Amino acid sequence: MGIIWTIIIGFVAGIIAKFIMPGSNEPSGFILTTILGIVGAFVATYLGQALGWYGAGEGAGLIGAVVGAIIVLAVWAMLSNRRSAV
């Protein structure tokens, strides 16, 4: 149930992160925003477990997933800026 819960939280986190960091070179579309949030939730869960904030079976909550999605969104923006400069 942990992975399904992370996906659900990640979906909501992706939408929230998109509203927090709008921009011209961020991913657009429902599917890509959802994937962004899910990846962000997994990033937040992994980092939280590595830093000892979450236990082995625990996942990131909504706030942690939003922070993870914002991190993924910032990396996406940096990579797309680098790609457009080439």
Protein backbone atom coordinates (compact mmCIF):
# COMPACT_ATOMS: atom_id res chain seq x y z
CA MET A 1 0.00 0.00 0.00
CA GLY A 2 2.99 2.32 0.50
CA ILE A 3 3.75 2.70 -3.20
CA ILE A 4 0.13 3.35 -4.10
CA TRP A 5 -0.11 5.98 -1.36
CA THR A 6 3.11 7.62 -2.62
CA ILE A 7 1.65 7.76 -6.14
CA ILE A 8 -1.57 9.35 -4.90
CA ILE A 9 0.31 11.90 -2.78
CA GLY A 10 2.69 12.51 -5.69
CA PHE A 11 -0.21 13.27 -8.01
CA VAL A 12 -1.51 15.97 -5.68
CA ALA A 13 2.02 17.24 -5.00
CA GLY A 14 2.71 17.64 -8.73
CA ILE A 15 -0.34 19.82 -9.16
CA ILE A 16 0.57 21.94 -6.13
CA ALA A 17 4.21 22.28 -7.26
CA LYS A 18 3.05 23.38 -10.71
CA PHE A 19 1.02 26.18 -9.11
CA ILE A 20 3.92 27.22 -6.86
CA MET A 21 6.54 27.32 -9.65
CA PRO A 22 4.84 28.29 -12.92
CA GLY A 23 7.06 29.08 -15.87
CA SER A 24 7.49 28.91 -19.61
CA ASN A 25 9.86 25.92 -19.77
CA GLU A 26 8.26 23.75 -17.13
CA PRO A 27 6.45 20.61 -18.26
CA SER A 28 2.89 21.16 -19.29
CA GLY A 29 0.05 18.74 -19.49
CA PHE A 30 -1.75 16.55 -17.06
CA ILE A 31 0.34 13.42 -17.57
CA LEU A 32 3.72 15.13 -17.27
CA THR A 33 2.64 17.09 -14.20
CA THR A 34 1.44 13.87 -12.60
CA ILE A 35 4.73 12.11 -13.39
CA LEU A 36 6.63 15.09 -11.97
CA GLY A 37 4.72 14.84 -8.70
CA ILE A 38 5.15 11.09 -8.43
CA VAL A 39 8.89 11.36 -9.05
CA GLY A 40 9.03 14.18 -6.49
CA ALA A 41 7.24 12.06 -3.92
CA PHE A 42 9.67 9.20 -4.49
CA VAL A 43 12.63 11.61 -4.26
CA ALA A 44 11.29 13.04 -1.00
CA THR A 45 10.68 9.54 0.40
CA TYR A 46 14.19 8.39 -0.54
CA LEU A 47 15.89 11.52 0.82
CA GLY A 48 13.79 11.43 3.99
CA GLN A 49 14.70 7.80 4.63
CA ALA A 50 18.38 8.49 3.89
CA LEU A 51 18.43 11.39 6.34
CA GLY A 52 16.55 9.44 9.00
CA TRP A 53 13.37 11.54 8.90
CA TYR A 54 11.22 8.57 7.84
CA GLY A 55 11.40 4.94 8.82
CA ALA A 56 11.96 2.06 6.41
CA GLY A 57 8.26 1.60 5.61
CA GLU A 58 7.21 5.24 5.79
CA GLY A 59 6.77 7.56 2.85
CA ALA A 60 6.90 11.29 2.52
CA GLY A 61 3.83 13.25 3.44
CA LEU A 62 2.19 15.85 1.27
CA ILE A 63 4.55 18.68 2.24
CA GLY A 64 7.63 16.52 1.69
CA ALA A 65 6.28 15.36 -1.66
CA VAL A 66 5.61 18.95 -2.73
CA VAL A 67 9.18 19.90 -1.80
CA GLY A 68 10.46 16.89 -3.74
CA ALA A 69 8.33 17.85 -6.75
CA ILE A 70 9.65 21.42 -6.61
CA ILE A 71 13.21 20.05 -6.57
CA VAL A 72 12.45 17.87 -9.61
CA LEU A 73 10.79 20.85 -11.33
CA ALA A 74 13.85 23.05 -10.67
CA VAL A 75 16.15 20.37 -12.11
CA TRP A 76 13.84 20.08 -15.14
CA ALA A 77 14.04 23.86 -15.68
CA MET A 78 17.84 23.87 -15.39
CA LEU A 79 18.19 21.01 -17.87
CA SER A 80 15.77 22.55 -20.36
CA ASN A 81 17.59 25.91 -20.13
CA ARG A 82 20.90 24.18 -20.80
CA ARG A 83 19.42 22.27 -23.72
CA SER A 84 17.90 25.39 -25.31
CA ALA A 85 21.23 27.27 -24.99
CA VAL A 86 23.05 24.65 -27.07
